[in-house]
N, C-alpha and C. Protein backbone atom coordinates (compact mmCIF):
# COMPACT_ATOMS: atom_id res chain seq x y z
N MET A 1 -35.07 -65.60 11.70
CA MET A 1 -33.83 -66.30 11.99
C MET A 1 -32.78 -65.26 12.36
N LYS A 2 -32.21 -65.36 13.54
CA LYS A 2 -31.13 -64.48 13.96
C LYS A 2 -29.89 -65.33 14.22
N LEU A 3 -28.82 -64.98 13.55
CA LEU A 3 -27.56 -65.70 13.68
C LEU A 3 -26.41 -64.71 13.76
N SER A 4 -25.28 -65.16 14.28
CA SER A 4 -24.12 -64.29 14.32
C SER A 4 -23.37 -64.26 12.99
N ALA A 5 -23.65 -65.20 12.10
CA ALA A 5 -22.98 -65.23 10.80
C ALA A 5 -23.32 -63.96 10.02
N ARG A 6 -22.31 -63.28 9.53
CA ARG A 6 -22.49 -62.01 8.83
C ARG A 6 -23.20 -62.15 7.48
N ASN A 7 -23.01 -63.29 6.83
CA ASN A 7 -23.52 -63.46 5.48
C ASN A 7 -24.74 -64.38 5.49
N GLN A 8 -25.91 -63.79 5.25
CA GLN A 8 -27.17 -64.53 5.21
C GLN A 8 -27.92 -64.07 3.96
N PHE A 9 -27.99 -64.96 2.96
CA PHE A 9 -28.56 -64.60 1.68
C PHE A 9 -29.85 -65.37 1.41
N ALA A 10 -30.95 -64.66 1.26
CA ALA A 10 -32.24 -65.28 0.98
C ALA A 10 -32.30 -65.72 -0.48
N GLY A 11 -32.88 -66.88 -0.70
CA GLY A 11 -33.03 -67.39 -2.06
C GLY A 11 -34.04 -68.51 -2.11
N THR A 12 -33.96 -69.28 -3.18
CA THR A 12 -34.87 -70.40 -3.40
C THR A 12 -34.05 -71.63 -3.78
N VAL A 13 -34.40 -72.77 -3.20
CA VAL A 13 -33.71 -74.01 -3.56
C VAL A 13 -33.96 -74.26 -5.04
N GLU A 14 -32.87 -74.42 -5.78
CA GLU A 14 -32.94 -74.65 -7.23
C GLU A 14 -32.89 -76.14 -7.54
N LYS A 15 -31.95 -76.85 -6.87
CA LYS A 15 -31.84 -78.29 -7.08
C LYS A 15 -31.11 -78.92 -5.92
N ILE A 16 -31.26 -80.23 -5.81
CA ILE A 16 -30.58 -81.00 -4.78
C ILE A 16 -30.00 -82.24 -5.44
N ASN A 17 -28.69 -82.41 -5.28
CA ASN A 17 -28.02 -83.62 -5.76
C ASN A 17 -27.80 -84.50 -4.54
N GLU A 18 -28.56 -85.59 -4.46
CA GLU A 18 -28.52 -86.45 -3.28
C GLU A 18 -27.40 -87.47 -3.38
N GLY A 19 -26.73 -87.67 -2.24
CA GLY A 19 -25.72 -88.71 -2.11
C GLY A 19 -26.13 -89.65 -0.99
N ALA A 20 -25.26 -90.59 -0.66
CA ALA A 20 -25.58 -91.55 0.40
C ALA A 20 -25.62 -90.88 1.77
N VAL A 21 -24.69 -89.97 2.04
CA VAL A 21 -24.59 -89.32 3.34
C VAL A 21 -24.84 -87.82 3.23
N ASN A 22 -24.25 -87.20 2.23
CA ASN A 22 -24.39 -85.75 2.01
C ASN A 22 -25.08 -85.46 0.69
N GLY A 23 -25.58 -84.26 0.58
CA GLY A 23 -26.15 -83.79 -0.67
C GLY A 23 -25.64 -82.40 -0.97
N ILE A 24 -25.74 -81.99 -2.22
CA ILE A 24 -25.38 -80.63 -2.61
C ILE A 24 -26.67 -79.90 -2.92
N VAL A 25 -26.94 -78.88 -2.11
CA VAL A 25 -28.13 -78.05 -2.27
C VAL A 25 -27.71 -76.79 -3.00
N THR A 26 -28.38 -76.48 -4.11
CA THR A 26 -28.10 -75.25 -4.85
C THR A 26 -29.23 -74.27 -4.57
N ILE A 27 -28.85 -73.11 -4.02
CA ILE A 27 -29.80 -72.06 -3.71
C ILE A 27 -29.60 -70.92 -4.70
N ASN A 28 -30.68 -70.51 -5.35
CA ASN A 28 -30.63 -69.40 -6.29
C ASN A 28 -30.79 -68.11 -5.49
N VAL A 29 -29.73 -67.29 -5.48
CA VAL A 29 -29.76 -66.00 -4.79
C VAL A 29 -29.66 -64.92 -5.86
N ASN A 30 -30.76 -64.29 -6.17
CA ASN A 30 -30.80 -63.22 -7.19
C ASN A 30 -30.18 -63.66 -8.52
N GLY A 31 -30.47 -64.89 -8.93
CA GLY A 31 -29.99 -65.38 -10.22
C GLY A 31 -28.62 -66.03 -10.17
N THR A 32 -27.98 -66.07 -9.01
CA THR A 32 -26.67 -66.69 -8.88
C THR A 32 -26.79 -67.94 -8.02
N PRO A 33 -26.27 -69.08 -8.51
CA PRO A 33 -26.34 -70.30 -7.70
C PRO A 33 -25.30 -70.29 -6.58
N VAL A 34 -25.73 -70.70 -5.39
CA VAL A 34 -24.85 -70.87 -4.25
C VAL A 34 -24.96 -72.33 -3.83
N SER A 35 -23.83 -73.04 -3.83
CA SER A 35 -23.83 -74.47 -3.50
C SER A 35 -23.48 -74.70 -2.04
N ALA A 36 -24.23 -75.60 -1.41
CA ALA A 36 -23.99 -75.98 -0.02
C ALA A 36 -23.96 -77.49 0.08
N THR A 37 -22.91 -78.03 0.68
CA THR A 37 -22.85 -79.46 0.94
C THR A 37 -23.28 -79.69 2.38
N ILE A 38 -24.44 -80.35 2.55
CA ILE A 38 -24.96 -80.63 3.89
C ILE A 38 -25.41 -82.09 3.94
N SER A 39 -25.66 -82.57 5.13
CA SER A 39 -26.05 -83.98 5.28
C SER A 39 -27.44 -84.23 4.70
N MET A 40 -27.66 -85.44 4.27
CA MET A 40 -28.98 -85.84 3.79
C MET A 40 -29.99 -85.75 4.93
N ALA A 41 -29.54 -86.01 6.16
CA ALA A 41 -30.44 -85.89 7.31
C ALA A 41 -30.92 -84.44 7.44
N ALA A 42 -30.02 -83.49 7.28
CA ALA A 42 -30.40 -82.07 7.37
C ALA A 42 -31.34 -81.68 6.23
N ILE A 43 -31.08 -82.19 5.04
CA ILE A 43 -31.94 -81.90 3.90
C ILE A 43 -33.37 -82.35 4.20
N LYS A 44 -33.50 -83.56 4.74
CA LYS A 44 -34.82 -84.09 5.06
C LYS A 44 -35.46 -83.33 6.24
N GLU A 45 -34.68 -83.06 7.29
CA GLU A 45 -35.20 -82.35 8.47
C GLU A 45 -35.70 -80.96 8.12
N LEU A 46 -35.02 -80.29 7.19
CA LEU A 46 -35.42 -78.95 6.77
C LEU A 46 -36.52 -78.98 5.72
N GLY A 47 -36.81 -80.16 5.19
CA GLY A 47 -37.84 -80.28 4.16
C GLY A 47 -37.45 -79.58 2.87
N LEU A 48 -36.15 -79.61 2.56
CA LEU A 48 -35.68 -78.91 1.37
C LEU A 48 -36.11 -79.63 0.10
N GLU A 49 -36.57 -78.82 -0.86
CA GLU A 49 -36.96 -79.32 -2.18
C GLU A 49 -36.94 -78.12 -3.12
N PRO A 50 -36.80 -78.38 -4.42
CA PRO A 50 -36.79 -77.26 -5.37
C PRO A 50 -38.01 -76.37 -5.19
N GLY A 51 -37.77 -75.06 -5.21
CA GLY A 51 -38.83 -74.08 -5.07
C GLY A 51 -39.02 -73.57 -3.65
N LYS A 52 -38.43 -74.25 -2.67
CA LYS A 52 -38.60 -73.83 -1.27
C LYS A 52 -37.66 -72.66 -0.94
N ALA A 53 -38.18 -71.69 -0.20
CA ALA A 53 -37.37 -70.56 0.25
C ALA A 53 -36.34 -71.05 1.26
N ALA A 54 -35.12 -70.55 1.14
CA ALA A 54 -34.03 -70.95 2.04
C ALA A 54 -32.98 -69.85 2.08
N TYR A 55 -32.12 -69.94 3.07
CA TYR A 55 -31.01 -69.00 3.21
C TYR A 55 -29.69 -69.73 3.05
N ALA A 56 -28.76 -69.11 2.34
CA ALA A 56 -27.38 -69.56 2.33
C ALA A 56 -26.68 -68.74 3.41
N VAL A 57 -26.09 -69.42 4.39
CA VAL A 57 -25.47 -68.76 5.53
C VAL A 57 -23.97 -69.08 5.54
N ILE A 58 -23.15 -68.03 5.61
CA ILE A 58 -21.70 -68.20 5.51
C ILE A 58 -21.02 -67.30 6.54
N LYS A 59 -20.22 -67.90 7.41
CA LYS A 59 -19.44 -67.10 8.35
C LYS A 59 -18.38 -66.31 7.57
N ALA A 60 -18.11 -65.09 8.00
CA ALA A 60 -17.12 -64.24 7.33
C ALA A 60 -15.73 -64.87 7.34
N THR A 61 -15.44 -65.66 8.36
CA THR A 61 -14.13 -66.31 8.45
C THR A 61 -13.97 -67.44 7.43
N GLU A 62 -15.06 -67.86 6.80
CA GLU A 62 -15.01 -68.93 5.80
C GLU A 62 -14.91 -68.40 4.37
N VAL A 63 -14.88 -67.08 4.22
CA VAL A 63 -14.82 -66.47 2.89
C VAL A 63 -13.37 -66.12 2.56
N MET A 64 -12.88 -66.67 1.46
CA MET A 64 -11.56 -66.33 0.95
C MET A 64 -11.73 -65.21 -0.08
N VAL A 65 -10.70 -64.42 -0.26
CA VAL A 65 -10.76 -63.32 -1.22
C VAL A 65 -9.62 -63.46 -2.21
N GLY A 66 -9.95 -63.27 -3.49
CA GLY A 66 -8.95 -63.31 -4.54
C GLY A 66 -9.19 -62.18 -5.51
N ARG A 67 -8.39 -62.16 -6.55
CA ARG A 67 -8.55 -61.18 -7.61
C ARG A 67 -8.84 -61.92 -8.90
N GLY A 68 -9.70 -61.38 -9.74
CA GLY A 68 -10.05 -62.00 -11.01
C GLY A 68 -11.51 -62.39 -11.03
N GLU A 69 -11.95 -62.87 -12.19
CA GLU A 69 -13.36 -63.26 -12.38
C GLU A 69 -13.62 -64.69 -11.91
N HIS A 70 -12.66 -65.58 -12.09
CA HIS A 70 -12.81 -66.98 -11.71
C HIS A 70 -11.41 -67.56 -11.60
N LEU A 71 -11.16 -68.28 -10.52
CA LEU A 71 -9.85 -68.90 -10.31
C LEU A 71 -9.98 -70.41 -10.47
N PRO A 72 -8.93 -71.05 -10.98
CA PRO A 72 -8.97 -72.51 -11.11
C PRO A 72 -8.81 -73.16 -9.74
N LEU A 73 -9.93 -73.34 -9.04
CA LEU A 73 -9.95 -73.91 -7.70
C LEU A 73 -11.05 -74.96 -7.62
N SER A 74 -10.98 -75.78 -6.60
CA SER A 74 -12.04 -76.76 -6.39
C SER A 74 -13.25 -76.15 -5.70
N ALA A 75 -13.12 -74.96 -5.13
CA ALA A 75 -14.24 -74.32 -4.44
C ALA A 75 -15.36 -74.04 -5.43
N ARG A 76 -16.56 -74.50 -5.11
CA ARG A 76 -17.71 -74.37 -6.01
C ARG A 76 -18.23 -72.95 -6.12
N ASN A 77 -18.12 -72.19 -5.04
CA ASN A 77 -18.71 -70.85 -5.01
C ASN A 77 -17.65 -69.78 -5.22
N GLN A 78 -17.72 -69.11 -6.36
CA GLN A 78 -16.83 -68.01 -6.66
C GLN A 78 -17.68 -66.85 -7.16
N PHE A 79 -17.66 -65.75 -6.40
CA PHE A 79 -18.54 -64.63 -6.67
C PHE A 79 -17.72 -63.36 -6.97
N PRO A 80 -17.65 -62.95 -8.23
CA PRO A 80 -16.94 -61.71 -8.54
C PRO A 80 -17.74 -60.49 -8.11
N GLY A 81 -17.03 -59.45 -7.71
CA GLY A 81 -17.69 -58.22 -7.30
C GLY A 81 -16.69 -57.11 -7.10
N LYS A 82 -17.09 -56.10 -6.36
CA LYS A 82 -16.22 -54.96 -6.07
C LYS A 82 -16.15 -54.76 -4.56
N VAL A 83 -14.98 -54.36 -4.10
CA VAL A 83 -14.80 -54.07 -2.68
C VAL A 83 -15.62 -52.83 -2.34
N VAL A 84 -16.45 -52.96 -1.32
CA VAL A 84 -17.29 -51.85 -0.86
C VAL A 84 -16.56 -51.10 0.25
N SER A 85 -16.00 -51.87 1.20
CA SER A 85 -15.30 -51.23 2.31
C SER A 85 -14.32 -52.21 2.94
N ILE A 86 -13.37 -51.64 3.68
CA ILE A 86 -12.41 -52.44 4.43
C ILE A 86 -12.32 -51.85 5.83
N ASP A 87 -12.64 -52.66 6.83
CA ASP A 87 -12.55 -52.24 8.22
C ASP A 87 -11.31 -52.92 8.80
N LYS A 88 -10.24 -52.16 8.94
CA LYS A 88 -8.95 -52.71 9.34
C LYS A 88 -8.83 -52.79 10.86
N GLY A 89 -8.45 -53.96 11.36
CA GLY A 89 -8.19 -54.16 12.77
C GLY A 89 -6.70 -54.29 13.00
N ALA A 90 -6.31 -54.74 14.18
CA ALA A 90 -4.90 -54.88 14.51
C ALA A 90 -4.22 -55.98 13.68
N VAL A 91 -4.94 -57.08 13.44
CA VAL A 91 -4.38 -58.23 12.73
C VAL A 91 -5.17 -58.57 11.48
N ASN A 92 -6.50 -58.50 11.59
CA ASN A 92 -7.40 -58.87 10.49
C ASN A 92 -8.22 -57.68 10.04
N SER A 93 -8.76 -57.82 8.84
CA SER A 93 -9.67 -56.82 8.30
C SER A 93 -10.97 -57.50 7.91
N ILE A 94 -12.06 -56.74 7.97
CA ILE A 94 -13.33 -57.21 7.42
C ILE A 94 -13.49 -56.51 6.09
N VAL A 95 -13.47 -57.31 5.03
CA VAL A 95 -13.60 -56.79 3.67
C VAL A 95 -15.02 -57.08 3.20
N LYS A 96 -15.72 -56.04 2.79
CA LYS A 96 -17.07 -56.20 2.27
C LYS A 96 -17.03 -56.07 0.76
N ILE A 97 -17.63 -57.06 0.09
CA ILE A 97 -17.61 -57.13 -1.37
C ILE A 97 -19.04 -57.21 -1.88
N SER A 98 -19.38 -56.37 -2.85
CA SER A 98 -20.72 -56.43 -3.45
C SER A 98 -20.76 -57.63 -4.39
N VAL A 99 -21.70 -58.54 -4.11
CA VAL A 99 -21.84 -59.77 -4.90
C VAL A 99 -23.31 -60.13 -4.98
N LEU A 100 -23.61 -61.19 -5.71
CA LEU A 100 -24.95 -61.76 -5.76
C LEU A 100 -26.02 -60.73 -6.07
N GLU A 101 -25.72 -59.89 -7.05
CA GLU A 101 -26.70 -58.92 -7.55
C GLU A 101 -27.34 -58.07 -6.46
N GLY A 102 -26.50 -57.35 -5.73
CA GLY A 102 -27.02 -56.40 -4.76
C GLY A 102 -26.77 -56.75 -3.31
N ASN A 103 -26.21 -57.90 -3.03
CA ASN A 103 -25.87 -58.28 -1.66
C ASN A 103 -24.42 -57.92 -1.36
N THR A 104 -24.10 -57.86 -0.10
CA THR A 104 -22.72 -57.62 0.32
C THR A 104 -22.24 -58.82 1.11
N MET A 105 -21.07 -59.35 0.74
CA MET A 105 -20.48 -60.47 1.46
C MET A 105 -19.31 -59.96 2.26
N SER A 106 -19.28 -60.34 3.54
CA SER A 106 -18.18 -59.96 4.42
C SER A 106 -17.18 -61.10 4.50
N ALA A 107 -15.91 -60.75 4.46
CA ALA A 107 -14.82 -61.71 4.59
C ALA A 107 -13.85 -61.21 5.64
N THR A 108 -13.48 -62.07 6.57
CA THR A 108 -12.46 -61.73 7.55
C THR A 108 -11.15 -62.32 7.07
N ILE A 109 -10.22 -61.45 6.67
CA ILE A 109 -8.92 -61.91 6.17
C ILE A 109 -7.82 -61.10 6.86
N SER A 110 -6.61 -61.57 6.76
CA SER A 110 -5.50 -60.89 7.42
C SER A 110 -5.19 -59.55 6.75
N ASN A 111 -4.64 -58.64 7.53
CA ASN A 111 -4.21 -57.35 6.97
C ASN A 111 -3.14 -57.56 5.91
N ALA A 112 -2.29 -58.57 6.11
CA ALA A 112 -1.25 -58.87 5.13
C ALA A 112 -1.88 -59.25 3.79
N ALA A 113 -2.96 -60.03 3.82
CA ALA A 113 -3.64 -60.43 2.58
C ALA A 113 -4.25 -59.21 1.89
N VAL A 114 -4.83 -58.31 2.68
CA VAL A 114 -5.40 -57.08 2.10
C VAL A 114 -4.32 -56.33 1.33
N GLU A 115 -3.15 -56.21 1.95
CA GLU A 115 -2.05 -55.48 1.30
C GLU A 115 -1.51 -56.24 0.10
N GLU A 116 -1.29 -57.55 0.25
CA GLU A 116 -0.74 -58.35 -0.86
C GLU A 116 -1.66 -58.36 -2.08
N LEU A 117 -2.97 -58.34 -1.84
CA LEU A 117 -3.93 -58.34 -2.94
C LEU A 117 -4.24 -56.92 -3.43
N ALA A 118 -3.68 -55.93 -2.76
CA ALA A 118 -3.92 -54.51 -3.10
C ALA A 118 -5.42 -54.20 -3.13
N LEU A 119 -6.12 -54.68 -2.09
CA LEU A 119 -7.56 -54.44 -2.02
C LEU A 119 -7.84 -53.02 -1.54
N ALA A 120 -8.83 -52.42 -2.14
CA ALA A 120 -9.26 -51.07 -1.77
C ALA A 120 -10.69 -50.90 -2.27
N PRO A 121 -11.45 -50.02 -1.64
CA PRO A 121 -12.81 -49.78 -2.12
C PRO A 121 -12.82 -49.44 -3.61
N GLY A 122 -13.76 -50.06 -4.33
CA GLY A 122 -13.88 -49.86 -5.77
C GLY A 122 -13.10 -50.85 -6.61
N GLU A 123 -12.17 -51.58 -6.00
CA GLU A 123 -11.37 -52.57 -6.73
C GLU A 123 -12.16 -53.86 -6.94
N ASP A 124 -11.89 -54.54 -8.05
CA ASP A 124 -12.50 -55.83 -8.30
C ASP A 124 -11.96 -56.85 -7.30
N ALA A 125 -12.81 -57.75 -6.87
CA ALA A 125 -12.40 -58.82 -5.96
C ALA A 125 -13.29 -60.03 -6.21
N LEU A 126 -12.83 -61.17 -5.74
CA LEU A 126 -13.54 -62.42 -5.90
C LEU A 126 -13.73 -63.05 -4.53
N ALA A 127 -14.97 -63.24 -4.11
CA ALA A 127 -15.28 -63.94 -2.86
C ALA A 127 -15.38 -65.43 -3.18
N VAL A 128 -14.64 -66.25 -2.45
CA VAL A 128 -14.58 -67.68 -2.71
C VAL A 128 -14.99 -68.43 -1.44
N VAL A 129 -15.93 -69.38 -1.60
CA VAL A 129 -16.43 -70.14 -0.46
C VAL A 129 -16.60 -71.60 -0.87
N LYS A 130 -16.01 -72.50 -0.09
CA LYS A 130 -16.22 -73.92 -0.34
C LYS A 130 -17.67 -74.27 -0.01
N ALA A 131 -18.25 -75.19 -0.74
CA ALA A 131 -19.64 -75.60 -0.51
C ALA A 131 -19.82 -76.19 0.88
N THR A 132 -18.77 -76.79 1.44
CA THR A 132 -18.86 -77.35 2.78
C THR A 132 -18.90 -76.27 3.86
N SER A 133 -18.62 -75.02 3.49
CA SER A 133 -18.67 -73.90 4.44
C SER A 133 -19.98 -73.14 4.39
N VAL A 134 -20.90 -73.58 3.54
CA VAL A 134 -22.20 -72.92 3.42
C VAL A 134 -23.24 -73.72 4.22
N MET A 135 -23.89 -73.03 5.14
CA MET A 135 -24.97 -73.64 5.90
C MET A 135 -26.29 -73.24 5.23
N VAL A 136 -27.32 -74.02 5.46
CA VAL A 136 -28.63 -73.72 4.89
C VAL A 136 -29.62 -73.53 6.02
N GLY A 137 -30.41 -72.46 5.91
CA GLY A 137 -31.43 -72.18 6.91
C GLY A 137 -32.79 -71.95 6.26
N ILE A 138 -33.83 -72.13 7.04
CA ILE A 138 -35.19 -71.84 6.59
C ILE A 138 -35.90 -71.07 7.70
N ASP A 139 -36.99 -70.42 7.35
CA ASP A 139 -37.83 -69.75 8.36
C ASP A 139 -38.79 -70.74 8.96
């Protein structure tokens, strides 16, 4: 699978909560659950079921960054880690955060946010992703 999305995490489907139109697929990535809200049609088309290998795919522009271990938010996916690097552009920066037990998550955020959050390599950070922003892929 080749995609332009920077964040592609291999794991195993842990559980599926089925709804009338959408379902919540939980993918275990190195012991950490990643929740994805996708259509029931997609769940069936992909043949998703507990134990099946799958990828959690997240565009860097869909990753929010905060400080702390867990924030009181409705976003299901909150991954604490440390900033690995910051690639600063004219307006935005790509912040890489070590999360999910050895993976790196990229987040595209504004330079102003980097400064306001005082982000720097080695600093604690929290990658936050809504379940509706997580896509699911299979081989």
